[in-house]
Amino acid sequence: EVLGYPTGGDSMSVTSGVVSRIEIQPYVQASMALLAMQIDAAINPGNSGGPVVNEDMEVVGVAFQSLDSAENIGYVVPVTVVRHFLEDIRRHGNYTGFCTS
């Protein structure tokens, strides 16, 4: 489920969906490609940046973009990528990135 406050409302929205793919995807805002989950829940302006939770209400990622050329295809930054980012900031004081081959 994607949680957030999409444009056009004053209350929290909960949109259910199913993860259909986990693979490297381009992150539009970051101009790079990283691991992402594709979900069939709508991700609209306002709930981007909100938590994505599983059936046990555990955070599994952060909603971050949708596919403009299709309906109800959104992308989620997995919690492992978020943890890496936060640990990088904690250790180095800034984001140094991911190792590349």
PDB file of N, CA and C in Angstrom:
ATOM      1  N   GLU A   1       0.833  -1.170   0.000  1.00  0.00           N
ATOM      2  CA  GLU A   1       0.000   0.000   0.000  1.00  0.00           C
ATOM      3  C   GLU A   1       0.880   1.236   0.000  1.00  0.00           C
ATOM      4  N   VAL A   2       0.470   2.215  -0.778  1.00  0.00           N
ATOM      5  CA  VAL A   2       1.164   3.492  -0.850  1.00  0.00           C
ATOM      6  C   VAL A   2       0.365   4.488  -0.023  1.00  0.00           C
ATOM      7  N   LEU A   3       1.032   5.149   0.907  1.00  0.00           N
ATOM      8  CA  LEU A   3       0.378   6.109   1.783  1.00  0.00           C
ATOM      9  C   LEU A   3       0.819   7.512   1.416  1.00  0.00           C
ATOM     10  N   GLY A   4      -0.094   8.468   1.494  1.00  0.00           N
ATOM     11  CA  GLY A   4       0.295   9.844   1.222  1.00  0.00           C
ATOM     12  C   GLY A   4      -0.895  10.763   1.112  1.00  0.00           C
ATOM     13  N   TYR A   5      -0.611  11.980   0.718  1.00  0.00           N
ATOM     14  CA  TYR A   5      -1.613  13.022   0.564  1.00  0.00           C
ATOM     15  C   TYR A   5      -1.576  13.539  -0.876  1.00  0.00           C
ATOM     16  N   PRO A   6      -2.149  12.785  -1.828  1.00  0.00           N
ATOM     17  CA  PRO A   6      -2.081  13.230  -3.220  1.00  0.00           C
ATOM     18  C   PRO A   6      -2.822  14.540  -3.443  1.00  0.00           C
ATOM     19  N   THR A   7      -2.412  15.243  -4.455  1.00  0.00           N
ATOM     20  CA  THR A   7      -3.024  16.513  -4.817  1.00  0.00           C
ATOM     21  C   THR A   7      -4.526  16.346  -4.986  1.00  0.00           C
ATOM     22  N   GLY A   8      -5.278  17.310  -4.448  1.00  0.00           N
ATOM     23  CA  GLY A   8      -6.731  17.295  -4.618  1.00  0.00           C
ATOM     24  C   GLY A   8      -7.493  16.832  -3.396  1.00  0.00           C
ATOM     25  N   GLY A   9      -6.806  16.558  -2.301  1.00  0.00           N
ATOM     26  CA  GLY A   9      -7.484  16.112  -1.096  1.00  0.00           C
ATOM     27  C   GLY A   9      -6.800  16.615   0.149  1.00  0.00           C
ATOM     28  N   ASP A  10      -7.531  16.548   1.258  1.00  0.00           N
ATOM     29  CA  ASP A  10      -6.988  17.009   2.531  1.00  0.00           C
ATOM     30  C   ASP A  10      -6.750  15.873   3.513  1.00  0.00           C
ATOM     31  N   SER A  11      -7.067  14.651   3.115  1.00  0.00           N
ATOM     32  CA  SER A  11      -6.886  13.519   4.020  1.00  0.00           C
ATOM     33  C   SER A  11      -5.936  12.501   3.401  1.00  0.00           C
ATOM     34  N   MET A  12      -5.446  11.598   4.245  1.00  0.00           N
ATOM     35  CA  MET A  12      -4.504  10.586   3.773  1.00  0.00           C
ATOM     36  C   MET A  12      -5.187   9.641   2.788  1.00  0.00           C
ATOM     37  N   SER A  13      -4.432   9.274   1.792  1.00  0.00           N
ATOM     38  CA  SER A  13      -4.886   8.314   0.793  1.00  0.00           C
ATOM     39  C   SER A  13      -4.095   7.020   0.956  1.00  0.00           C
ATOM     40  N   VAL A  14      -4.771   5.899   0.809  1.00  0.00           N
ATOM     41  CA  VAL A  14      -4.125   4.591   0.830  1.00  0.00           C
ATOM     42  C   VAL A  14      -4.461   3.915  -0.489  1.00  0.00           C
ATOM     43  N   THR A  15      -3.446   3.607  -1.273  1.00  0.00           N
ATOM     44  CA  THR A  15      -3.631   2.960  -2.564  1.00  0.00           C
ATOM     45  C   THR A  15      -2.976   1.590  -2.520  1.00  0.00           C
ATOM     46  N   SER A  16      -3.753   0.553  -2.768  1.00  0.00           N
ATOM     47  CA  SER A  16      -3.221  -0.812  -2.739  1.00  0.00           C
ATOM     48  C   SER A  16      -2.663  -1.195  -4.096  1.00  0.00           C
ATOM     49  N   GLY A  17      -1.669  -2.058  -4.065  1.00  0.00           N
ATOM     50  CA  GLY A  17      -1.087  -2.532  -5.309  1.00  0.00           C
ATOM     51  C   GLY A  17      -0.257  -3.772  -5.072  1.00  0.00           C
ATOM     52  N   VAL A  18       0.239  -4.306  -6.161  1.00  0.00           N
ATOM     53  CA  VAL A  18       1.044  -5.516  -6.148  1.00  0.00           C
ATOM     54  C   VAL A  18       2.384  -5.207  -6.808  1.00  0.00           C
ATOM     55  N   VAL A  19       3.469  -5.669  -6.201  1.00  0.00           N
ATOM     56  CA  VAL A  19       4.789  -5.521  -6.813  1.00  0.00           C
ATOM     57  C   VAL A  19       4.852  -6.456  -8.010  1.00  0.00           C
ATOM     58  N   SER A  20       5.139  -5.906  -9.164  1.00  0.00           N
ATOM     59  CA  SER A  20       5.180  -6.719 -10.381  1.00  0.00           C
ATOM     60  C   SER A  20       6.591  -6.928 -10.918  1.00  0.00           C
ATOM     61  N   ARG A  21       7.544  -6.136 -10.420  1.00  0.00           N
ATOM     62  CA  ARG A  21       8.913  -6.257 -10.939  1.00  0.00           C
ATOM     63  C   ARG A  21       9.877  -5.602  -9.966  1.00  0.00           C
ATOM     64  N   ILE A  22      11.050  -6.194  -9.825  1.00  0.00           N
ATOM     65  CA  ILE A  22      12.145  -5.590  -9.066  1.00  0.00           C
ATOM     66  C   ILE A  22      13.367  -5.656  -9.957  1.00  0.00           C
ATOM     67  N   GLU A  23      13.863  -4.471 -10.347  1.00  0.00           N
ATOM     68  CA  GLU A  23      15.011  -4.425 -11.251  1.00  0.00           C
ATOM     69  C   GLU A  23      15.638  -3.038 -11.219  1.00  0.00           C
ATOM     70  N   ILE A  24      16.738  -2.883 -11.902  1.00  0.00           N
ATOM     71  CA  ILE A  24      17.388  -1.582 -12.028  1.00  0.00           C
ATOM     72  C   ILE A  24      16.513  -0.704 -12.930  1.00  0.00           C
ATOM     73  N   GLN A  25      16.185   0.487 -12.436  1.00  0.00           N
ATOM     74  CA  GLN A  25      15.353   1.442 -13.169  1.00  0.00           C
ATOM     75  C   GLN A  25      16.001   2.823 -13.108  1.00  0.00           C
ATOM     76  N   PRO A  26      15.775   3.646 -14.137  1.00  0.00           N
ATOM     77  CA  PRO A  26      16.274   5.020 -14.058  1.00  0.00           C
ATOM     78  C   PRO A  26      15.500   5.810 -12.999  1.00  0.00           C
ATOM     79  N   TYR A  27      16.209   6.515 -12.134  1.00  0.00           N
ATOM     80  CA  TYR A  27      15.600   7.419 -11.167  1.00  0.00           C
ATOM     81  C   TYR A  27      15.620   8.799 -11.819  1.00  0.00           C
ATOM     82  N   VAL A  28      14.481   9.283 -12.236  1.00  0.00           N
ATOM     83  CA  VAL A  28      14.405  10.526 -12.993  1.00  0.00           C
ATOM     84  C   VAL A  28      15.038  11.684 -12.225  1.00  0.00           C
ATOM     85  N   GLN A  29      14.713  11.827 -10.937  1.00  0.00           N
ATOM     86  CA  GLN A  29      15.218  12.958 -10.165  1.00  0.00           C
ATOM     87  C   GLN A  29      16.717  12.853  -9.897  1.00  0.00           C
ATOM     88  N   ALA A  30      17.275  11.664  -9.889  1.00  0.00           N
ATOM     89  CA  ALA A  30      18.688  11.475  -9.563  1.00  0.00           C
ATOM     90  C   ALA A  30      19.569  11.335 -10.799  1.00  0.00           C
ATOM     91  N   SER A  31      18.988  11.226 -11.963  1.00  0.00           N
ATOM     92  CA  SER A  31      19.741  11.047 -13.208  1.00  0.00           C
ATOM     93  C   SER A  31      20.673   9.845 -13.135  1.00  0.00           C
ATOM     94  N   MET A  32      20.193   8.774 -12.501  1.00  0.00           N
ATOM     95  CA  MET A  32      20.961   7.539 -12.422  1.00  0.00           C
ATOM     96  C   MET A  32      19.995   6.365 -12.348  1.00  0.00           C
ATOM     97  N   ALA A  33      20.522   5.174 -12.495  1.00  0.00           N
ATOM     98  CA  ALA A  33      19.706   3.965 -12.409  1.00  0.00           C
ATOM     99  C   ALA A  33      20.099   3.181 -11.158  1.00  0.00           C
ATOM    100  N   LEU A  34      19.086   2.795 -10.373  1.00  0.00           N
ATOM    101  CA  LEU A  34      19.286   2.027  -9.155  1.00  0.00           C
ATOM    102  C   LEU A  34      18.180   0.988  -9.039  1.00  0.00           C
ATOM    103  N   LEU A  35      18.300   0.122  -8.063  1.00  0.00           N
ATOM    104  CA  LEU A  35      17.274  -0.881  -7.812  1.00  0.00           C
ATOM    105  C   LEU A  35      15.951  -0.200  -7.482  1.00  0.00           C
ATOM    106  N   ALA A  36      14.870  -0.688  -8.074  1.00  0.00           N
ATOM    107  CA  ALA A  36      13.533  -0.142  -7.832  1.00  0.00           C
ATOM    108  C   ALA A  36      12.512  -1.268  -7.914  1.00  0.00           C
ATOM    109  N   MET A  37      11.384  -1.052  -7.241  1.00  0.00           N
ATOM    110  CA  MET A  37      10.255  -1.976  -7.330  1.00  0.00           C
ATOM    111  C   MET A  37       9.179  -1.309  -8.176  1.00  0.00           C
ATOM    112  N   GLN A  38       8.632  -2.049  -9.110  1.00  0.00           N
ATOM    113  CA  GLN A  38       7.505  -1.563  -9.895  1.00  0.00           C
ATOM    114  C   GLN A  38       6.235  -2.063  -9.225  1.00  0.00           C
ATOM    115  N   ILE A  39       5.263  -1.168  -9.051  1.00  0.00           N
ATOM    116  CA  ILE A  39       4.022  -1.512  -8.366  1.00  0.00           C
ATOM    117  C   ILE A  39       2.847  -0.989  -9.189  1.00  0.00           C
ATOM    118  N   ASP A  40       1.717  -1.687  -9.120  1.00  0.00           N
ATOM    119  CA  ASP A  40       0.565  -1.244  -9.900  1.00  0.00           C
ATOM    120  C   ASP A  40      -0.354  -0.309  -9.121  1.00  0.00           C
ATOM    121  N   ALA A  41       0.107   0.230  -8.004  1.00  0.00           N
ATOM    122  CA  ALA A  41      -0.634   1.252  -7.263  1.00  0.00           C
ATOM    123  C   ALA A  41      -0.317   2.617  -7.868  1.00  0.00           C
ATOM    124  N   ALA A  42      -1.315   3.481  -7.919  1.00  0.00           N
ATOM    125  CA  ALA A  42      -1.105   4.814  -8.463  1.00  0.00           C
ATOM    126  C   ALA A  42      -0.201   5.626  -7.548  1.00  0.00           C
ATOM    127  N   ILE A  43       0.815   6.250  -8.132  1.00  0.00           N
ATOM    128  CA  ILE A  43       1.675   7.189  -7.411  1.00  0.00           C
ATOM    129  C   ILE A  43       1.507   8.526  -8.117  1.00  0.00           C
ATOM    130  N   ASN A  44       0.899   9.458  -7.408  1.00  0.00           N
ATOM    131  CA  ASN A  44       0.550  10.757  -7.969  1.00  0.00           C
ATOM    132  C   ASN A  44       1.273  11.862  -7.217  1.00  0.00           C
ATOM    133  N   PRO A  45       1.305  13.074  -7.806  1.00  0.00           N
ATOM    134  CA  PRO A  45       1.891  14.184  -7.058  1.00  0.00           C
ATOM    135  C   PRO A  45       1.233  14.289  -5.679  1.00  0.00           C
ATOM    136  N   GLY A  46       2.046  14.350  -4.667  1.00  0.00           N
ATOM    137  CA  GLY A  46       1.537  14.435  -3.299  1.00  0.00           C
ATOM    138  C   GLY A  46       1.796  13.182  -2.497  1.00  0.00           C
ATOM    139  N   ASN A  47       1.677  11.992  -3.111  1.00  0.00           N
ATOM    140  CA  ASN A  47       2.028  10.795  -2.333  1.00  0.00           C
ATOM    141  C   ASN A  47       3.402  10.270  -2.716  1.00  0.00           C
ATOM    142  N   SER A  48       4.035  10.888  -3.693  1.00  0.00           N
ATOM    143  CA  SER A  48       5.428  10.589  -3.963  1.00  0.00           C
ATOM    144  C   SER A  48       6.234  11.030  -2.751  1.00  0.00           C
ATOM    145  N   GLY A  49       7.125  10.179  -2.277  1.00  0.00           N
ATOM    146  CA  GLY A  49       7.875  10.457  -1.064  1.00  0.00           C
ATOM    147  C   GLY A  49       7.256   9.837   0.169  1.00  0.00           C
ATOM    148  N   GLY A  50       6.067   9.286   0.017  1.00  0.00           N
ATOM    149  CA  GLY A  50       5.394   8.639   1.134  1.00  0.00           C
ATOM    150  C   GLY A  50       5.832   7.196   1.281  1.00  0.00           C
ATOM    151  N   PRO A  51       5.543   6.609   2.436  1.00  0.00           N
ATOM    152  CA  PRO A  51       5.942   5.225   2.671  1.00  0.00           C
ATOM    153  C   PRO A  51       5.107   4.233   1.877  1.00  0.00           C
ATOM    154  N   VAL A  52       5.721   3.120   1.542  1.00  0.00           N
ATOM    155  CA  VAL A  52       5.033   1.978   0.951  1.00  0.00           C
ATOM    156  C   VAL A  52       5.173   0.860   1.970  1.00  0.00           C
ATOM    157  N   VAL A  53       4.051   0.287   2.374  1.00  0.00           N
ATOM    158  CA  VAL A  53       4.060  -0.714   3.437  1.00  0.00           C
ATOM    159  C   VAL A  53       3.517  -2.043   2.931  1.00  0.00           C
ATOM    160  N   ASN A  54       3.929  -3.128   3.596  1.00  0.00           N
ATOM    161  CA  ASN A  54       3.407  -4.453   3.265  1.00  0.00           C
ATOM    162  C   ASN A  54       2.178  -4.747   4.124  1.00  0.00           C
ATOM    163  N   GLU A  55       1.676  -5.969   4.042  1.00  0.00           N
ATOM    164  CA  GLU A  55       0.457  -6.338   4.763  1.00  0.00           C
ATOM    165  C   GLU A  55       0.625  -6.296   6.281  1.00  0.00           C
ATOM    166  N   ASP A  56       1.866  -6.323   6.765  1.00  0.00           N
ATOM    167  CA  ASP A  56       2.143  -6.225   8.202  1.00  0.00           C
ATOM    168  C   ASP A  56       2.440  -4.792   8.629  1.00  0.00           C
ATOM    169  N   MET A  57       2.203  -3.833   7.732  1.00  0.00           N
ATOM    170  CA  MET A  57       2.449  -2.406   7.963  1.00  0.00           C
ATOM    171  C   MET A  57       3.927  -2.099   8.204  1.00  0.00           C
ATOM    172  N   GLU A  58       4.818  -2.921   7.631  1.00  0.00           N
ATOM    173  CA  GLU A  58       6.252  -2.662   7.672  1.00  0.00           C
ATOM    174  C   GLU A  58       6.619  -1.845   6.437  1.00  0.00           C
ATOM    175  N   VAL A  59       7.425  -0.822   6.621  1.00  0.00           N
ATOM    176  CA  VAL A  59       7.848  -0.001   5.490  1.00  0.00           C
ATOM    177  C   VAL A  59       8.797  -0.821   4.624  1.00  0.00           C
ATOM    178  N   VAL A  60       8.464  -0.941   3.329  1.00  0.00           N
ATOM    179  CA  VAL A  60       9.299  -1.682   2.387  1.00  0.00           C
ATOM    180  C   VAL A  60       9.947  -0.758   1.357  1.00  0.00           C
ATOM    181  N   GLY A  61       9.564   0.520   1.383  1.00  0.00           N
ATOM    182  CA  GLY A  61      10.152   1.454   0.444  1.00  0.00           C
ATOM    183  C   GLY A  61       9.487   2.810   0.501  1.00  0.00           C
ATOM    184  N   VAL A  62       9.898   3.668  -0.446  1.00  0.00           N
ATOM    185  CA  VAL A  62       9.389   5.022  -0.555  1.00  0.00           C
ATOM    186  C   VAL A  62       8.902   5.231  -1.991  1.00  0.00           C
ATOM    187  N   ALA A  63       7.653   5.679  -2.133  1.00  0.00           N
ATOM    188  CA  ALA A  63       7.102   5.968  -3.460  1.00  0.00           C
ATOM    189  C   ALA A  63       7.867   7.128  -4.074  1.00  0.00           C
ATOM    190  N   PHE A  64       8.256   6.991  -5.378  1.00  0.00           N
ATOM    191  CA  PHE A  64       9.046   8.097  -5.922  1.00  0.00           C
ATOM    192  C   PHE A  64       8.724   8.534  -7.336  1.00  0.00           C
ATOM    193  N   GLN A  65       8.109   7.740  -8.147  1.00  0.00           N
ATOM    194  CA  GLN A  65       7.762   8.223  -9.485  1.00  0.00           C
ATOM    195  C   GLN A  65       6.769   7.273 -10.123  1.00  0.00           C
ATOM    196  N   SER A  66       6.109   7.782 -11.154  1.00  0.00           N
ATOM    197  CA  SER A  66       5.177   6.947 -11.914  1.00  0.00           C
ATOM    198  C   SER A  66       5.622   6.921 -13.368  1.00  0.00           C
ATOM    199  N   LEU A  67       5.052   6.007 -14.111  1.00  0.00           N
ATOM    200  CA  LEU A  67       5.341   5.900 -15.538  1.00  0.00           C
ATOM    201  C   LEU A  67       4.269   6.688 -16.269  1.00  0.00           C
ATOM    202  N   ASP A  68       4.646   7.817 -16.864  1.00  0.00           N
ATOM    203  CA  ASP A  68       3.677   8.714 -17.493  1.00  0.00           C
ATOM    204  C   ASP A  68       2.962   8.092 -18.677  1.00  0.00           C
ATOM    205  N   SER A  69       3.591   7.153 -19.365  1.00  0.00           N
ATOM    206  CA  SER A  69       3.003   6.585 -20.580  1.00  0.00           C
ATOM    207  C   SER A  69       2.036   5.433 -20.293  1.00  0.00           C
ATOM    208  N   ALA A  70       1.781   5.136 -19.014  1.00  0.00           N
ATOM    209  CA  ALA A  70       0.875   4.040 -18.656  1.00  0.00           C
ATOM    210  C   ALA A  70       0.107   4.405 -17.388  1.00  0.00           C
ATOM    211  N   GLU A  71      -1.011   3.742 -17.168  1.00  0.00           N
ATOM    212  CA  GLU A  71      -1.808   3.989 -15.975  1.00  0.00           C
ATOM    213  C   GLU A  71      -1.431   3.017 -14.862  1.00  0.00           C
ATOM    214  N   ASN A  72      -1.420   3.534 -13.648  1.00  0.00           N
ATOM    215  CA  ASN A  72      -1.192   2.726 -12.448  1.00  0.00           C
ATOM    216  C   ASN A  72       0.093   1.914 -12.467  1.00  0.00           C
ATOM    217  N   ILE A  73       1.159   2.518 -12.954  1.00  0.00           N
ATOM    218  CA  ILE A  73       2.485   1.920 -12.824  1.00  0.00           C
ATOM    219  C   ILE A  73       3.341   2.932 -12.090  1.00  0.00           C
ATOM    220  N   GLY A  74       3.749   2.544 -10.891  1.00  0.00           N
ATOM    221  CA  GLY A  74       4.568   3.417 -10.081  1.00  0.00           C
ATOM    222  C   GLY A  74       5.841   2.708  -9.671  1.00  0.00           C
ATOM    223  N   TYR A  75       6.784   3.476  -9.174  1.00  0.00           N
ATOM    224  CA  TYR A  75       8.062   2.917  -8.756  1.00  0.00           C
ATOM    225  C   TYR A  75       8.342   3.292  -7.308  1.00  0.00           C
ATOM    226  N   VAL A  76       9.008   2.373  -6.633  1.00  0.00           N
ATOM    227  CA  VAL A  76       9.294   2.487  -5.211  1.00  0.00           C
ATOM    228  C   VAL A  76      10.796   2.307  -5.002  1.00  0.00           C
ATOM    229  N   VAL A  77      11.389   3.199  -4.207  1.00  0.00           N
ATOM    230  CA  VAL A  77      12.777   3.014  -3.776  1.00  0.00           C
ATOM    231  C   VAL A  77      12.743   1.979  -2.657  1.00  0.00           C
ATOM    232  N   PRO A  78      13.375   0.821  -2.837  1.00  0.00           N
ATOM    233  CA  PRO A  78      13.360  -0.204  -1.782  1.00  0.00           C
ATOM    234  C   PRO A  78      14.060   0.281  -0.512  1.00  0.00           C
ATOM    235  N   VAL A  79      13.628  -0.238   0.605  1.00  0.00           N
ATOM    236  CA  VAL A  79      14.194   0.164   1.894  1.00  0.00           C
ATOM    237  C   VAL A  79      15.704  -0.097   1.953  1.00  0.00           C
ATOM    238  N   THR A  80      16.207  -1.091   1.240  1.00  0.00           N
ATOM    239  CA  THR A  80      17.649  -1.352   1.241  1.00  0.00           C
ATOM    240  C   THR A  80      18.432  -0.189   0.623  1.00  0.00           C
ATOM    241  N   VAL A  81      17.877   0.433  -0.406  1.00  0.00           N
ATOM    242  CA  VAL A  81      18.529   1.588  -1.031  1.00  0.00           C
ATOM    243  C   VAL A  81      18.467   2.781  -0.078  1.00  0.00           C
ATOM    244  N   VAL A  82      17.336   2.971   0.578  1.00  0.00           N
ATOM    245  CA  VAL A  82      17.196   4.063   1.547  1.00  0.00           C
ATOM    246  C   VAL A  82      18.190   3.881   2.693  1.00  0.00           C
ATOM    247  N   ARG A  83      18.298   2.661   3.211  1.00  0.00           N
ATOM    248  CA  ARG A  83      19.252   2.393   4.295  1.00  0.00           C
ATOM    249  C   ARG A  83      20.688   2.690   3.869  1.00  0.00           C
ATOM    250  N   HIS A  84      21.052   2.277   2.647  1.00  0.00           N
ATOM    251  CA  HIS A  84      22.401   2.545   2.146  1.00  0.00           C
ATOM    252  C   HIS A  84      22.659   4.051   2.107  1.00  0.00           C
ATOM    253  N   PHE A  85      21.709   4.801   1.594  1.00  0.00           N
ATOM    254  CA  PHE A  85      21.837   6.254   1.514  1.00  0.00           C
ATOM    255  C   PHE A  85      22.036   6.865   2.908  1.00  0.00           C
ATOM    256  N   LEU A  86      21.181   6.478   3.860  1.00  0.00           N
ATOM    257  CA  LEU A  86      21.272   7.034   5.210  1.00  0.00           C
ATOM    258  C   LEU A  86      22.580   6.647   5.900  1.00  0.00           C
ATOM    259  N   GLU A  87      23.030   5.412   5.694  1.00  0.00           N
ATOM    260  CA  GLU A  87      24.296   4.976   6.290  1.00  0.00           C
ATOM    261  C   GLU A  87      25.469   5.733   5.671  1.00  0.00           C
ATOM    262  N   ASP A  88      25.398   6.005   4.377  1.00  0.00           N
ATOM    263  CA  ASP A  88      26.434   6.784   3.699  1.00  0.00           C
ATOM    264  C   ASP A  88      26.531   8.182   4.306  1.00  0.00           C
ATOM    265  N   ILE A  89      25.388   8.814   4.538  1.00  0.00           N
ATOM    266  CA  ILE A  89      25.356  10.149   5.149  1.00  0.00           C
ATOM    267  C   ILE A  89      25.936  10.084   6.564  1.00  0.00           C
ATOM    268  N   ARG A  90      25.553   9.060   7.335  1.00  0.00           N
ATOM    269  CA  ARG A  90      26.035   8.922   8.705  1.00  0.00           C
ATOM    270  C   ARG A  90      27.553   8.757   8.745  1.00  0.00           C
ATOM    271  N   ARG A  91      28.078   7.920   7.852  1.00  0.00           N
ATOM    272  CA  ARG A  91      29.523   7.624   7.874  1.00  0.00           C
ATOM    273  C   ARG A  91      30.384   8.736   7.296  1.00  0.00           C
ATOM    274  N   HIS A  92      29.915   9.347   6.198  1.00  0.00           N
ATOM    275  CA  HIS A  92      30.760  10.263   5.447  1.00  0.00           C
ATOM    276  C   HIS A  92      30.312  11.721   5.488  1.00  0.00           C
ATOM    277  N   GLY A  93      29.118  11.955   6.013  1.00  0.00           N
ATOM    278  CA  GLY A  93      28.607  13.324   6.052  1.00  0.00           C
ATOM    279  C   GLY A  93      27.986  13.780   4.755  1.00  0.00           C
ATOM    280  N   ASN A  94      28.061  12.932   3.733  1.00  0.00           N
ATOM    281  CA  ASN A  94      27.418  13.219   2.445  1.00  0.00           C
ATOM    282  C   ASN A  94      27.207  11.901   1.700  1.00  0.00           C
ATOM    283  N   TYR A  95      26.506  11.975   0.602  1.00  0.00           N
ATOM    284  CA  TYR A  95      26.218  10.788  -0.199  1.00  0.00           C
ATOM    285  C   TYR A  95      27.355  10.544  -1.162  1.00  0.00           C
ATOM    286  N   THR A  96      28.025   9.404  -1.036  1.00  0.00           N
ATOM    287  CA  THR A  96      29.154   9.097  -1.914  1.00  0.00           C
ATOM    288  C   THR A  96      28.771   8.155  -3.046  1.00  0.00           C
ATOM    289  N   GLY A  97      27.582   7.558  -2.983  1.00  0.00           N
ATOM    290  CA  GLY A  97      27.097   6.731  -4.074  1.00  0.00           C
ATOM    291  C   GLY A  97      27.232   5.248  -3.814  1.00  0.00           C
ATOM    292  N   PHE A  98      26.980   4.475  -4.863  1.00  0.00           N
ATOM    293  CA  PHE A  98      27.082   3.022  -4.830  1.00  0.00           C
ATOM    294  C   PHE A  98      28.323   2.603  -5.591  1.00  0.00           C
ATOM    295  N   CYS A  99      28.874   1.483  -5.214  1.00  0.00           N
ATOM    296  CA  CYS A  99      30.007   0.923  -5.959  1.00  0.00           C
ATOM    297  C   CYS A  99      29.558   0.529  -7.352  1.00  0.00           C
ATOM    298  N   THR A 100      30.429   0.693  -8.318  1.00  0.00           N
ATOM    299  CA  THR A 100      30.123   0.265  -9.685  1.00  0.00           C
ATOM    300  C   THR A 100      31.177  -0.738 -10.123  1.00  0.00           C
ATOM    301  N   SER A 101      30.792  -1.562 -11.074  1.00  0.00           N
ATOM    302  CA  SER A 101      31.753  -2.569 -11.547  1.00  0.00           C
ATOM    303  C   SER A 101      32.541  -2.086 -12.716  1.00  0.00           C
TER     304      SER A 101
END
